[in-house]
Each structure stands twice: as structure tokens, then as C-alpha cells.
N, C-alpha and C. Protein backbone atom coordinates (compact mmCIF):
# COMPACT_ATOMS: atom_id res chain seq x y z
N ARG A 1 -130.64 -40.56 -110.93
CA ARG A 1 -131.77 -41.15 -111.73
C ARG A 1 -131.21 -41.81 -112.98
N ASP A 2 -131.80 -42.89 -113.27
CA ASP A 2 -131.55 -43.61 -114.45
C ASP A 2 -131.66 -42.87 -115.82
N PRO A 3 -130.77 -42.98 -116.63
CA PRO A 3 -130.68 -42.20 -118.00
C PRO A 3 -131.94 -42.54 -118.64
N LEU A 4 -132.35 -43.84 -118.58
CA LEU A 4 -133.62 -44.15 -119.24
C LEU A 4 -134.71 -43.53 -118.79
N TRP A 5 -134.80 -43.48 -117.56
CA TRP A 5 -136.01 -42.82 -116.81
C TRP A 5 -136.06 -41.37 -117.23
N SER A 6 -135.22 -40.55 -117.35
CA SER A 6 -135.29 -39.24 -117.75
C SER A 6 -135.62 -39.07 -119.19
N ARG A 7 -135.56 -40.07 -120.15
CA ARG A 7 -135.97 -40.02 -121.28
C ARG A 7 -137.49 -40.47 -121.62
N GLY A 8 -138.14 -40.99 -120.51
CA GLY A 8 -139.38 -41.63 -120.50
C GLY A 8 -139.47 -43.04 -120.80
N LEU A 9 -138.20 -43.69 -120.89
CA LEU A 9 -138.50 -45.16 -121.03
C LEU A 9 -138.42 -45.94 -119.86
N GLY A 10 -138.06 -45.40 -118.69
CA GLY A 10 -137.93 -46.15 -117.51
C GLY A 10 -139.30 -46.71 -116.96
N ASP A 11 -140.48 -45.94 -117.32
CA ASP A 11 -141.70 -46.19 -116.96
C ASP A 11 -142.18 -47.47 -117.60
N VAL A 12 -141.74 -47.80 -118.86
CA VAL A 12 -142.15 -49.10 -119.59
C VAL A 12 -141.55 -50.19 -118.83
N TYR A 13 -140.09 -50.20 -118.41
CA TYR A 13 -139.57 -51.11 -117.82
C TYR A 13 -139.90 -51.61 -116.53
N LYS A 14 -140.43 -50.54 -115.70
CA LYS A 14 -140.76 -50.90 -114.35
C LYS A 14 -142.07 -51.54 -114.23
N ARG A 15 -142.80 -51.75 -115.31
CA ARG A 15 -144.18 -52.40 -115.26
C ARG A 15 -143.94 -53.86 -115.23
N GLN A 16 -142.90 -54.39 -115.63
CA GLN A 16 -142.55 -55.85 -115.88
C GLN A 16 -142.68 -56.33 -114.32
N LEU A 17 -143.28 -57.61 -114.05
CA LEU A 17 -143.36 -58.17 -112.74
C LEU A 17 -143.53 -57.13 -111.56
N TYR A 18 -144.32 -56.08 -111.89
CA TYR A 18 -144.83 -54.95 -111.11
C TYR A 18 -145.50 -55.42 -109.65
N SER A 19 -146.25 -56.44 -109.59
CA SER A 19 -146.85 -56.89 -108.29
C SER A 19 -146.15 -57.93 -107.76
N ASN A 20 -145.25 -58.36 -108.25
CA ASN A 20 -144.45 -59.63 -107.75
C ASN A 20 -144.12 -59.45 -106.23
N THR A 21 -144.50 -60.45 -105.43
CA THR A 21 -144.02 -60.46 -104.04
C THR A 21 -143.13 -61.52 -103.80
N THR A 22 -143.69 -62.85 -103.97
CA THR A 22 -142.55 -63.86 -103.52
C THR A 22 -142.43 -64.72 -104.72
N GLY A 23 -142.94 -64.55 -105.86
CA GLY A 23 -142.81 -65.28 -107.07
C GLY A 23 -141.32 -65.35 -107.39
N SER A 24 -140.84 -66.59 -107.84
CA SER A 24 -139.33 -66.60 -108.06
C SER A 24 -139.21 -67.34 -109.49
N TYR A 25 -137.93 -67.23 -110.03
CA TYR A 25 -137.55 -67.76 -111.30
C TYR A 25 -138.41 -67.22 -112.44
N ASN A 26 -138.88 -66.11 -112.33
CA ASN A 26 -139.70 -65.59 -113.36
C ASN A 26 -138.79 -64.60 -114.42
N THR A 27 -139.31 -64.65 -115.65
CA THR A 27 -138.41 -63.64 -116.61
C THR A 27 -139.59 -62.95 -117.44
N ALA A 28 -139.46 -61.68 -117.50
CA ALA A 28 -140.34 -60.85 -118.18
C ALA A 28 -139.69 -59.80 -119.00
N SER A 29 -140.20 -59.70 -120.19
CA SER A 29 -139.64 -58.74 -121.18
C SER A 29 -140.70 -58.12 -122.10
N GLY A 30 -141.14 -56.82 -121.88
CA GLY A 30 -142.12 -56.22 -122.65
C GLY A 30 -143.02 -55.52 -121.58
N MET A 31 -143.62 -54.45 -122.16
CA MET A 31 -144.62 -53.46 -121.19
C MET A 31 -145.70 -54.51 -120.51
N LYS A 32 -145.72 -54.40 -119.10
CA LYS A 32 -146.61 -54.94 -118.51
C LYS A 32 -146.61 -56.48 -118.52
N ALA A 33 -145.42 -57.21 -118.91
CA ALA A 33 -145.29 -58.56 -118.86
C ALA A 33 -145.30 -59.06 -117.48
N LEU A 34 -146.09 -60.07 -117.18
CA LEU A 34 -146.14 -60.65 -115.90
C LEU A 34 -146.54 -59.49 -114.78
N TYR A 35 -147.21 -58.43 -115.29
CA TYR A 35 -147.64 -57.32 -114.45
C TYR A 35 -148.12 -57.69 -112.92
N SER A 36 -149.15 -58.41 -113.05
CA SER A 36 -149.94 -58.77 -111.86
C SER A 36 -149.55 -60.08 -111.08
N ASN A 37 -148.34 -60.63 -111.54
CA ASN A 37 -147.74 -61.79 -110.72
C ASN A 37 -147.35 -61.51 -109.48
N THR A 38 -147.95 -62.36 -108.48
CA THR A 38 -147.54 -62.32 -107.06
C THR A 38 -146.67 -63.33 -106.62
N THR A 39 -147.26 -64.48 -106.74
CA THR A 39 -146.41 -65.62 -106.15
C THR A 39 -146.12 -66.80 -107.32
N GLY A 40 -146.62 -66.55 -108.50
CA GLY A 40 -146.31 -67.52 -109.45
C GLY A 40 -144.99 -67.66 -109.76
N GLY A 41 -144.42 -68.80 -109.93
CA GLY A 41 -142.95 -69.04 -110.51
C GLY A 41 -142.61 -69.74 -111.58
N ASN A 42 -141.38 -69.60 -112.06
CA ASN A 42 -140.98 -70.34 -113.13
C ASN A 42 -141.86 -69.86 -114.51
N ASN A 43 -142.31 -68.58 -114.62
CA ASN A 43 -142.78 -68.14 -115.84
C ASN A 43 -142.00 -67.42 -116.53
N THR A 44 -142.20 -67.48 -117.98
CA THR A 44 -141.36 -66.69 -118.87
C THR A 44 -142.43 -65.87 -119.73
N ALA A 45 -142.32 -64.53 -119.80
CA ALA A 45 -143.05 -63.76 -120.67
C ALA A 45 -142.22 -62.76 -121.54
N GLY A 46 -142.53 -62.85 -122.85
CA GLY A 46 -141.94 -61.97 -123.78
C GLY A 46 -142.95 -61.20 -124.73
N GLY A 47 -143.07 -60.04 -124.56
CA GLY A 47 -144.03 -59.34 -125.35
C GLY A 47 -144.84 -58.51 -124.53
N SER A 48 -145.35 -57.36 -125.10
CA SER A 48 -146.31 -56.57 -124.19
C SER A 48 -147.54 -57.09 -123.80
N GLU A 49 -147.74 -57.14 -122.47
CA GLU A 49 -148.99 -57.73 -121.78
C GLU A 49 -149.06 -59.21 -121.85
N ALA A 50 -147.79 -59.78 -122.11
CA ALA A 50 -147.84 -61.37 -122.14
C ALA A 50 -147.89 -61.83 -120.64
N LEU A 51 -148.79 -62.59 -120.31
CA LEU A 51 -148.90 -63.14 -118.89
C LEU A 51 -149.32 -61.79 -118.04
N ALA A 52 -149.94 -60.76 -118.50
CA ALA A 52 -150.06 -59.72 -117.65
C ALA A 52 -151.10 -59.77 -116.44
N SER A 53 -152.04 -60.77 -116.56
CA SER A 53 -152.85 -60.84 -115.43
C SER A 53 -152.59 -62.12 -114.52
N ASN A 54 -151.46 -62.83 -114.72
CA ASN A 54 -151.14 -63.96 -113.97
C ASN A 54 -150.85 -63.47 -112.60
N THR A 55 -151.46 -64.31 -111.63
CA THR A 55 -151.11 -64.08 -110.27
C THR A 55 -150.34 -65.10 -109.61
N THR A 56 -150.93 -66.42 -109.66
CA THR A 56 -150.22 -67.51 -109.09
C THR A 56 -150.06 -68.59 -110.03
N GLY A 57 -150.13 -68.59 -111.21
CA GLY A 57 -150.01 -69.54 -112.29
C GLY A 57 -148.50 -69.70 -112.30
N SER A 58 -148.12 -70.96 -112.52
CA SER A 58 -146.68 -71.32 -112.65
C SER A 58 -146.22 -72.10 -113.94
N ALA A 59 -144.98 -71.97 -114.28
CA ALA A 59 -144.43 -72.72 -115.31
C ALA A 59 -145.20 -72.59 -116.55
N ASN A 60 -145.52 -71.06 -116.93
CA ASN A 60 -146.09 -70.84 -118.23
C ASN A 60 -144.96 -70.08 -119.02
N VAL A 61 -145.23 -70.19 -120.22
CA VAL A 61 -144.41 -69.59 -121.25
C VAL A 61 -145.27 -68.82 -122.31
N ALA A 62 -144.90 -67.48 -122.33
CA ALA A 62 -145.85 -66.68 -123.33
C ALA A 62 -144.96 -65.83 -124.04
N ASN A 63 -144.99 -65.82 -125.40
CA ASN A 63 -144.23 -65.12 -126.27
C ASN A 63 -145.06 -64.44 -127.24
N GLY A 64 -145.31 -63.09 -127.42
CA GLY A 64 -146.01 -62.36 -128.27
C GLY A 64 -147.06 -61.49 -127.55
N HIS A 65 -147.48 -60.53 -128.21
CA HIS A 65 -148.35 -59.48 -127.66
C HIS A 65 -149.67 -60.07 -127.23
N ASN A 66 -150.10 -59.87 -126.00
CA ASN A 66 -151.11 -60.44 -125.35
C ASN A 66 -151.24 -61.98 -125.18
N ALA A 67 -150.01 -62.66 -125.40
CA ALA A 67 -150.15 -64.18 -125.22
C ALA A 67 -150.36 -64.30 -123.79
N LEU A 68 -151.28 -65.28 -123.54
CA LEU A 68 -151.68 -65.61 -122.13
C LEU A 68 -152.04 -64.41 -121.22
N ARG A 69 -152.47 -63.43 -121.74
CA ARG A 69 -152.83 -62.21 -121.18
C ARG A 69 -153.61 -62.19 -119.79
N TYR A 70 -154.75 -63.09 -120.06
CA TYR A 70 -155.69 -63.06 -118.79
C TYR A 70 -155.60 -64.33 -117.95
N ASN A 71 -154.38 -65.01 -118.26
CA ASN A 71 -154.15 -66.11 -117.33
C ASN A 71 -153.87 -65.66 -115.90
N THR A 72 -154.63 -66.33 -115.07
CA THR A 72 -154.39 -66.04 -113.63
C THR A 72 -153.97 -67.14 -112.65
N THR A 73 -154.32 -68.38 -112.82
CA THR A 73 -154.02 -69.42 -112.10
C THR A 73 -153.59 -70.69 -112.87
N GLY A 74 -153.88 -70.49 -114.19
CA GLY A 74 -153.36 -71.75 -115.04
C GLY A 74 -151.93 -71.93 -114.94
N ASN A 75 -151.51 -73.37 -115.08
CA ASN A 75 -150.14 -73.77 -115.09
C ASN A 75 -149.85 -74.55 -116.38
N TYR A 76 -148.56 -74.55 -116.67
CA TYR A 76 -148.03 -75.37 -117.56
C TYR A 76 -148.34 -75.07 -118.97
N ASN A 77 -148.66 -73.94 -119.38
CA ASN A 77 -149.16 -73.54 -120.70
C ASN A 77 -148.04 -72.83 -121.42
N VAL A 78 -148.09 -72.95 -122.76
CA VAL A 78 -147.17 -72.43 -123.69
C VAL A 78 -147.95 -71.88 -124.79
N ALA A 79 -147.65 -70.44 -124.84
CA ALA A 79 -148.36 -69.62 -125.96
C ALA A 79 -147.28 -68.84 -126.85
N ASN A 80 -147.28 -69.28 -128.00
CA ASN A 80 -146.49 -68.44 -129.01
C ASN A 80 -147.03 -67.77 -130.00
N GLY A 81 -147.25 -66.59 -130.21
CA GLY A 81 -148.02 -65.79 -131.24
C GLY A 81 -148.73 -64.76 -130.59
N ARG A 82 -148.98 -63.66 -131.31
CA ARG A 82 -149.81 -62.68 -130.94
C ARG A 82 -151.21 -63.16 -130.73
N ASN A 83 -151.83 -62.78 -129.51
CA ASN A 83 -153.01 -63.13 -129.09
C ASN A 83 -153.16 -64.74 -128.91
N ALA A 84 -152.20 -65.47 -128.80
CA ALA A 84 -152.30 -66.90 -128.39
C ALA A 84 -152.70 -67.24 -127.03
N LEU A 85 -153.77 -67.91 -126.92
CA LEU A 85 -154.27 -68.23 -125.37
C LEU A 85 -154.52 -66.90 -124.67
N THR A 86 -154.83 -65.93 -125.35
CA THR A 86 -155.15 -64.65 -124.48
C THR A 86 -156.16 -64.72 -123.49
N SER A 87 -157.39 -65.42 -123.69
CA SER A 87 -158.46 -65.45 -122.86
C SER A 87 -158.27 -66.61 -121.60
N ASN A 88 -157.28 -67.33 -121.83
CA ASN A 88 -157.11 -68.49 -120.73
C ASN A 88 -157.00 -67.90 -119.35
N THR A 89 -157.76 -68.46 -118.45
CA THR A 89 -157.66 -67.94 -117.10
C THR A 89 -157.09 -68.98 -116.15
N THR A 90 -157.74 -70.20 -116.14
CA THR A 90 -157.33 -71.33 -115.36
C THR A 90 -157.06 -72.58 -115.91
N GLY A 91 -157.08 -72.58 -117.31
CA GLY A 91 -156.75 -73.96 -118.11
C GLY A 91 -155.38 -74.17 -117.90
N ASP A 92 -155.09 -75.56 -117.90
CA ASP A 92 -153.65 -75.92 -117.69
C ASP A 92 -153.31 -76.91 -118.82
N ASN A 93 -152.02 -76.87 -119.06
CA ASN A 93 -151.36 -77.96 -119.97
C ASN A 93 -151.83 -77.69 -121.43
N ASN A 94 -151.93 -76.35 -121.81
CA ASN A 94 -152.46 -76.05 -123.24
C ASN A 94 -151.09 -75.59 -124.16
N THR A 95 -151.13 -75.82 -125.19
CA THR A 95 -149.91 -75.30 -126.10
C THR A 95 -150.52 -74.68 -127.38
N ALA A 96 -150.19 -73.48 -127.60
CA ALA A 96 -150.78 -72.67 -128.54
C ALA A 96 -149.64 -72.00 -129.54
N SER A 97 -149.55 -72.40 -130.59
CA SER A 97 -148.60 -71.82 -131.52
C SER A 97 -149.01 -71.20 -132.84
N GLY A 98 -149.17 -69.83 -132.90
CA GLY A 98 -149.70 -69.24 -133.96
C GLY A 98 -150.58 -68.14 -133.62
N ASN A 99 -150.80 -66.94 -134.40
CA ASN A 99 -151.61 -65.85 -134.02
C ASN A 99 -152.99 -66.24 -133.68
N GLU A 100 -153.47 -65.90 -132.61
CA GLU A 100 -154.90 -66.13 -132.43
C GLU A 100 -155.27 -67.66 -132.08
N SER A 101 -154.28 -68.45 -131.93
CA SER A 101 -154.53 -70.02 -131.60
C SER A 101 -155.00 -69.94 -130.23
N LEU A 102 -156.05 -70.96 -130.08
CA LEU A 102 -156.67 -70.89 -128.50
C LEU A 102 -156.88 -69.66 -127.96
N TYR A 103 -157.38 -68.63 -128.84
CA TYR A 103 -157.57 -67.27 -128.37
C TYR A 103 -158.63 -67.23 -127.23
N SER A 104 -159.68 -67.74 -127.40
CA SER A 104 -160.88 -67.72 -126.38
C SER A 104 -160.86 -68.76 -125.41
N ASN A 105 -160.00 -69.76 -125.26
CA ASN A 105 -159.84 -70.65 -124.28
C ASN A 105 -159.72 -69.98 -122.84
N THR A 106 -160.73 -70.51 -122.04
CA THR A 106 -160.73 -70.02 -120.72
C THR A 106 -160.18 -71.03 -119.69
N ILE A 107 -161.04 -72.21 -119.49
CA ILE A 107 -160.63 -73.21 -118.71
C ILE A 107 -160.40 -74.68 -119.27
N GLY A 108 -160.42 -74.64 -120.68
CA GLY A 108 -160.17 -75.94 -121.31
C GLY A 108 -158.69 -76.30 -120.94
N GLY A 109 -158.51 -77.53 -120.89
CA GLY A 109 -157.01 -78.05 -120.69
C GLY A 109 -156.60 -79.15 -121.67
N SER A 110 -155.22 -79.27 -121.63
CA SER A 110 -154.76 -80.13 -122.50
C SER A 110 -154.93 -80.21 -123.87
N ASN A 111 -155.01 -78.86 -124.45
CA ASN A 111 -155.22 -78.71 -125.75
C ASN A 111 -153.95 -78.34 -126.61
N THR A 112 -153.78 -78.68 -127.84
CA THR A 112 -152.66 -78.34 -128.52
C THR A 112 -153.12 -77.80 -129.88
N ALA A 113 -152.85 -76.55 -130.20
CA ALA A 113 -153.29 -75.82 -131.30
C ALA A 113 -152.04 -75.24 -132.18
N SER A 114 -151.88 -75.60 -133.38
CA SER A 114 -150.78 -75.09 -133.99
C SER A 114 -151.15 -74.52 -135.40
N GLY A 115 -151.15 -73.23 -135.76
CA GLY A 115 -151.50 -72.63 -136.84
C GLY A 115 -152.49 -71.40 -136.67
N TYR A 116 -152.47 -70.53 -137.44
CA TYR A 116 -153.23 -69.30 -137.41
C TYR A 116 -154.73 -69.48 -137.24
N ARG A 117 -155.29 -69.12 -135.98
CA ARG A 117 -156.59 -69.24 -135.44
C ARG A 117 -157.00 -70.65 -135.24
N ALA A 118 -156.12 -71.57 -134.99
CA ALA A 118 -156.45 -73.03 -134.63
C ALA A 118 -157.16 -72.96 -133.35
N LEU A 119 -158.23 -73.58 -133.31
CA LEU A 119 -158.95 -73.65 -131.94
C LEU A 119 -159.35 -72.34 -131.53
N ARG A 120 -159.50 -71.50 -132.29
CA ARG A 120 -159.90 -69.87 -132.10
C ARG A 120 -160.97 -69.67 -130.99
N TYR A 121 -162.04 -70.31 -131.09
CA TYR A 121 -163.14 -70.20 -130.19
C TYR A 121 -163.36 -71.10 -129.06
N ASN A 122 -162.45 -72.03 -129.06
CA ASN A 122 -162.51 -73.09 -127.69
C ASN A 122 -162.53 -72.31 -126.61
N THR A 123 -163.44 -72.74 -125.65
CA THR A 123 -163.66 -72.14 -124.28
C THR A 123 -163.26 -73.21 -123.22
N THR A 124 -164.18 -74.32 -123.12
CA THR A 124 -163.92 -75.15 -122.25
C THR A 124 -163.61 -76.73 -122.85
N GLY A 125 -163.47 -76.84 -124.03
CA GLY A 125 -163.06 -78.00 -124.76
C GLY A 125 -161.61 -78.44 -124.25
N SER A 126 -161.44 -79.85 -124.02
CA SER A 126 -160.22 -80.35 -123.63
C SER A 126 -159.68 -81.52 -124.51
N TRP A 127 -158.54 -81.75 -124.52
CA TRP A 127 -157.79 -82.85 -125.08
C TRP A 127 -158.19 -82.77 -126.51
N ASN A 128 -158.05 -81.66 -127.20
CA ASN A 128 -158.17 -81.45 -128.53
C ASN A 128 -156.80 -81.08 -129.28
N THR A 129 -156.54 -81.51 -130.45
CA THR A 129 -155.41 -81.27 -131.35
C THR A 129 -155.69 -80.61 -132.51
N ALA A 130 -155.34 -79.62 -132.78
CA ALA A 130 -155.56 -78.81 -134.09
C ALA A 130 -154.34 -78.48 -134.71
N SER A 131 -154.09 -78.73 -136.04
CA SER A 131 -152.83 -78.32 -136.71
C SER A 131 -153.28 -77.74 -138.21
N GLY A 132 -153.15 -76.47 -138.46
CA GLY A 132 -153.34 -75.89 -139.66
C GLY A 132 -154.19 -74.71 -139.48
N THR A 133 -154.24 -73.85 -140.47
CA THR A 133 -154.92 -72.50 -140.29
C THR A 133 -156.43 -72.90 -140.17
N ASP A 134 -157.29 -72.31 -139.26
CA ASP A 134 -158.53 -72.40 -138.97
C ASP A 134 -159.23 -73.69 -138.56
N THR A 135 -158.12 -74.65 -138.15
CA THR A 135 -158.69 -76.05 -137.99
C THR A 135 -159.30 -75.94 -136.50
N LEU A 136 -160.47 -76.56 -136.22
CA LEU A 136 -161.33 -76.50 -135.07
C LEU A 136 -161.52 -75.18 -134.62
N TYR A 137 -161.78 -74.24 -135.59
CA TYR A 137 -161.84 -72.89 -135.44
C TYR A 137 -163.03 -72.50 -134.58
N SER A 138 -164.23 -73.07 -134.75
CA SER A 138 -165.43 -72.79 -134.11
C SER A 138 -165.77 -73.65 -132.70
N ASN A 139 -164.77 -74.56 -132.62
CA ASN A 139 -164.95 -75.49 -131.42
C ASN A 139 -165.12 -74.63 -130.15
N THR A 140 -166.03 -75.09 -129.36
CA THR A 140 -166.17 -74.21 -127.94
C THR A 140 -166.27 -75.30 -126.80
N THR A 141 -166.96 -76.31 -126.93
CA THR A 141 -166.97 -77.26 -125.97
C THR A 141 -166.60 -78.68 -126.30
N GLY A 142 -166.30 -79.02 -127.57
CA GLY A 142 -165.96 -80.37 -128.09
C GLY A 142 -164.67 -80.80 -127.43
N ASP A 143 -164.71 -82.05 -127.06
CA ASP A 143 -163.49 -82.64 -126.47
C ASP A 143 -162.87 -83.81 -127.34
N GLN A 144 -161.62 -84.13 -127.27
CA GLN A 144 -161.03 -85.29 -127.72
C GLN A 144 -161.11 -85.27 -129.32
N ASN A 145 -161.07 -84.12 -130.02
CA ASN A 145 -160.96 -83.98 -131.36
C ASN A 145 -159.51 -83.89 -131.84
N THR A 146 -159.32 -84.49 -133.07
CA THR A 146 -158.01 -84.22 -133.78
C THR A 146 -158.33 -83.63 -135.20
N ALA A 147 -157.83 -82.77 -135.62
CA ALA A 147 -157.93 -82.18 -136.86
C ALA A 147 -156.58 -81.61 -137.37
N MET A 148 -156.31 -81.99 -138.68
CA MET A 148 -155.09 -81.53 -139.41
C MET A 148 -155.33 -81.31 -140.90
N GLY A 149 -155.03 -80.07 -141.23
CA GLY A 149 -155.19 -79.44 -142.58
C GLY A 149 -156.22 -78.26 -142.54
N LYS A 150 -155.85 -77.42 -143.38
CA LYS A 150 -156.51 -76.19 -143.43
C LYS A 150 -158.06 -76.28 -143.21
N SER A 151 -158.68 -75.62 -142.29
CA SER A 151 -160.07 -75.44 -142.21
C SER A 151 -160.73 -76.95 -141.69
N ALA A 152 -159.99 -77.74 -141.42
CA ALA A 152 -160.59 -79.20 -140.96
C ALA A 152 -161.18 -78.92 -139.79
N LEU A 153 -162.48 -79.61 -139.65
CA LEU A 153 -163.55 -79.51 -138.51
C LEU A 153 -163.71 -77.80 -138.15
N GLN A 154 -163.65 -77.02 -139.05
CA GLN A 154 -163.61 -75.62 -138.75
C GLN A 154 -165.05 -75.30 -138.13
N SER A 155 -166.16 -75.85 -138.49
CA SER A 155 -167.44 -75.41 -137.96
C SER A 155 -167.92 -76.27 -136.58
N ASN A 156 -166.95 -77.14 -136.23
CA ASN A 156 -167.22 -78.07 -134.94
C ASN A 156 -167.46 -77.12 -133.68
N LEU A 157 -168.61 -77.27 -133.17
CA LEU A 157 -168.97 -76.63 -131.82
C LEU A 157 -168.72 -77.56 -130.59
N GLY A 158 -169.39 -78.69 -130.64
CA GLY A 158 -169.45 -79.54 -129.51
C GLY A 158 -169.19 -80.96 -129.83
N GLY A 159 -169.07 -81.32 -131.01
CA GLY A 159 -168.68 -82.60 -131.51
C GLY A 159 -167.54 -83.33 -130.74
N ILE A 160 -167.61 -84.53 -130.32
CA ILE A 160 -166.49 -85.15 -129.64
C ILE A 160 -165.85 -86.29 -130.27
N ARG A 161 -164.60 -86.57 -130.12
CA ARG A 161 -164.00 -87.74 -130.80
C ARG A 161 -163.96 -87.96 -132.22
N ASN A 162 -163.76 -86.73 -132.77
CA ASN A 162 -163.72 -86.92 -134.25
C ASN A 162 -162.04 -86.80 -134.64
N THR A 163 -161.83 -87.44 -135.75
CA THR A 163 -160.50 -87.45 -136.29
C THR A 163 -160.54 -87.31 -137.67
N VAL A 164 -159.98 -86.19 -138.06
CA VAL A 164 -159.92 -85.68 -139.64
C VAL A 164 -158.74 -85.20 -139.95
N ILE A 165 -158.34 -85.62 -141.22
CA ILE A 165 -157.12 -85.19 -141.81
C ILE A 165 -157.16 -84.75 -143.20
N GLY A 166 -156.86 -83.53 -143.59
CA GLY A 166 -157.15 -83.02 -144.97
C GLY A 166 -157.69 -81.70 -145.11
N THR A 167 -157.38 -80.95 -145.93
CA THR A 167 -158.06 -79.66 -146.27
C THR A 167 -159.47 -79.73 -146.29
N ASP A 168 -160.15 -78.96 -145.48
CA ASP A 168 -161.71 -78.78 -145.54
C ASP A 168 -162.39 -80.18 -145.07
N ALA A 169 -161.60 -81.16 -144.53
CA ALA A 169 -162.27 -82.28 -144.06
C ALA A 169 -163.17 -82.18 -142.91
N ALA A 170 -164.34 -82.62 -142.96
CA ALA A 170 -165.50 -82.50 -142.05
C ALA A 170 -165.62 -80.96 -141.65
N ARG A 171 -165.53 -80.07 -142.59
CA ARG A 171 -165.47 -78.63 -142.29
C ARG A 171 -166.87 -78.19 -141.74
N THR A 172 -167.83 -78.65 -142.18
CA THR A 172 -169.14 -78.22 -141.62
C THR A 172 -169.84 -79.06 -140.49
N ASN A 173 -168.97 -80.10 -140.06
CA ASN A 173 -169.57 -80.79 -138.88
C ASN A 173 -169.72 -79.81 -137.72
N THR A 174 -170.64 -79.94 -136.95
CA THR A 174 -171.12 -79.07 -135.81
C THR A 174 -171.07 -79.88 -134.61
N ILE A 175 -172.00 -80.79 -134.58
CA ILE A 175 -172.20 -81.76 -133.27
C ILE A 175 -171.92 -83.16 -133.54
N GLY A 176 -171.54 -83.52 -134.74
CA GLY A 176 -171.34 -84.98 -135.03
C GLY A 176 -170.19 -85.60 -134.09
N ASN A 177 -170.45 -86.87 -133.64
CA ASN A 177 -169.46 -87.43 -132.78
C ASN A 177 -168.87 -88.75 -133.57
N ASP A 178 -167.65 -89.02 -133.16
CA ASP A 178 -167.03 -90.38 -133.48
C ASP A 178 -166.83 -90.39 -135.05
N ASN A 179 -166.53 -89.49 -135.67
CA ASN A 179 -166.11 -89.43 -137.15
C ASN A 179 -164.83 -89.60 -137.37
N THR A 180 -164.36 -90.44 -138.68
CA THR A 180 -163.14 -90.34 -139.15
C THR A 180 -163.32 -89.86 -140.64
N ALA A 181 -162.55 -88.87 -140.85
CA ALA A 181 -162.45 -88.40 -142.31
C ALA A 181 -160.94 -88.30 -142.58
N LEU A 182 -160.74 -88.82 -144.05
CA LEU A 182 -159.14 -88.84 -144.48
C LEU A 182 -159.36 -88.25 -145.86
N GLY A 183 -158.70 -87.08 -146.16
CA GLY A 183 -158.54 -86.68 -147.51
C GLY A 183 -159.38 -85.22 -147.74
N TYR A 184 -159.02 -84.63 -148.78
CA TYR A 184 -159.58 -83.32 -149.18
C TYR A 184 -161.13 -83.42 -149.12
N ARG A 185 -161.69 -82.53 -148.40
CA ARG A 185 -163.12 -82.31 -148.18
C ARG A 185 -163.82 -83.66 -147.90
N ALA A 186 -163.06 -84.62 -147.32
CA ALA A 186 -163.84 -85.73 -146.71
C ALA A 186 -164.90 -85.41 -145.79
N LEU A 187 -166.07 -86.04 -145.79
CA LEU A 187 -167.17 -85.70 -144.96
C LEU A 187 -167.39 -84.26 -144.91
N PHE A 188 -167.21 -83.34 -145.98
CA PHE A 188 -167.28 -81.94 -145.96
C PHE A 188 -168.73 -81.52 -145.59
N THR A 189 -169.74 -82.19 -146.04
CA THR A 189 -171.12 -81.79 -145.66
C THR A 189 -171.75 -82.22 -144.47
N ASN A 190 -171.13 -83.26 -143.75
CA ASN A 190 -171.52 -83.81 -142.55
C ASN A 190 -171.65 -82.78 -141.48
N THR A 191 -172.95 -82.71 -140.85
CA THR A 191 -173.29 -81.62 -139.82
C THR A 191 -173.37 -82.32 -138.46
N SER A 192 -174.08 -83.29 -138.16
CA SER A 192 -174.47 -83.82 -136.93
C SER A 192 -174.29 -85.41 -136.89
N GLY A 193 -173.99 -86.02 -138.04
CA GLY A 193 -173.89 -87.47 -137.96
C GLY A 193 -172.64 -88.00 -137.41
């Protein structure tokens, strides 16, 4: 018997890639990393429960506790940070860097979030780019938004095609479309225009 097993550590290690059947070129490190993977290939999971629910999704990279935890069939996603892209199930081509970035994303695709809680509540919105703490924080269904700077477009829910750069720029915008804001607190009070 393996000496780690006799000390109680073997159980932790055996849960990596636990359900794998024909999946190949996968790398897992951490308790329950890639636990449910069956046929998905070319995945890398580092951290407890990283990519734990993945079954057939391929070419995903998850680093951090719960990173891409609920991903099942989503492909080409990159999640770096604790709880990054945690709720993603079938969304493809997302990149999340920072704790809780794109946390609530389920099926949204082609999003890029960089910073603590960037695009935190995004669920189905696609083609969004958020850079900075709490940027596009409340966005759920809005598409094609670009926000750079702390709390930029923080309250956006469903607004589309907005481009804002600067701390608190368009911070209270909820459903406004096609806005451009540049500078500290630019369009700060705009909500729906």
C-alpha cells in the first residue's frame, strides 16, 4: 500500500480525474480537480475543485479554488483566481483573471474579465471586456461592452455597445446603449440614455 494512503493523504490524490474514461492530455492538481471529466481533453486544472464538474469540455485552463468548477461542456476557457468563472457551464472562449471574475457566467461567451469581481454577475452576456476591480460588476445580459477602470460601468445590467475608460465612468448606467465615456466619473449619473 502506498505510504501516503496509510497517512490519509491518498484519498485526496485519487479524486483527481476520478471519472475520466477516454479523456486525454489532461492535467489535474488539487482535491477533486477535473473530478467528473469523462471524455474532455487538453484541460489543465490546478486547485481544489477546479473544473470539478467538467465532463466533455476541452482545452480549458483553471487555476485556483473553484475555478471553472461547474463547467460541463464549455471549451477554450481560461480562469485564473479563486472562484473565477465558477458558474460557467457551457460558455466558450471566456478569459477570467482575478478572484470572482466572471463568477456567475453560465453560457455567455467570448468575455474577458481582468480584476477582482470584474463581470461578477454576468450570466449570458457575450463579447464584453472588463478591466479593473468591479468593472461591469452587475452586468447580466449586456453584450459588446468595454470598460476599463475601477467600478467603470459597475451597475450595467443589460446595456449594450458601451465603451468607458476611467474610474467610476458610467458607473450608474443600467440599460443605456451606445455610450462613450472617457475620464474620471464621466457619465457617472447616466442610467438609461
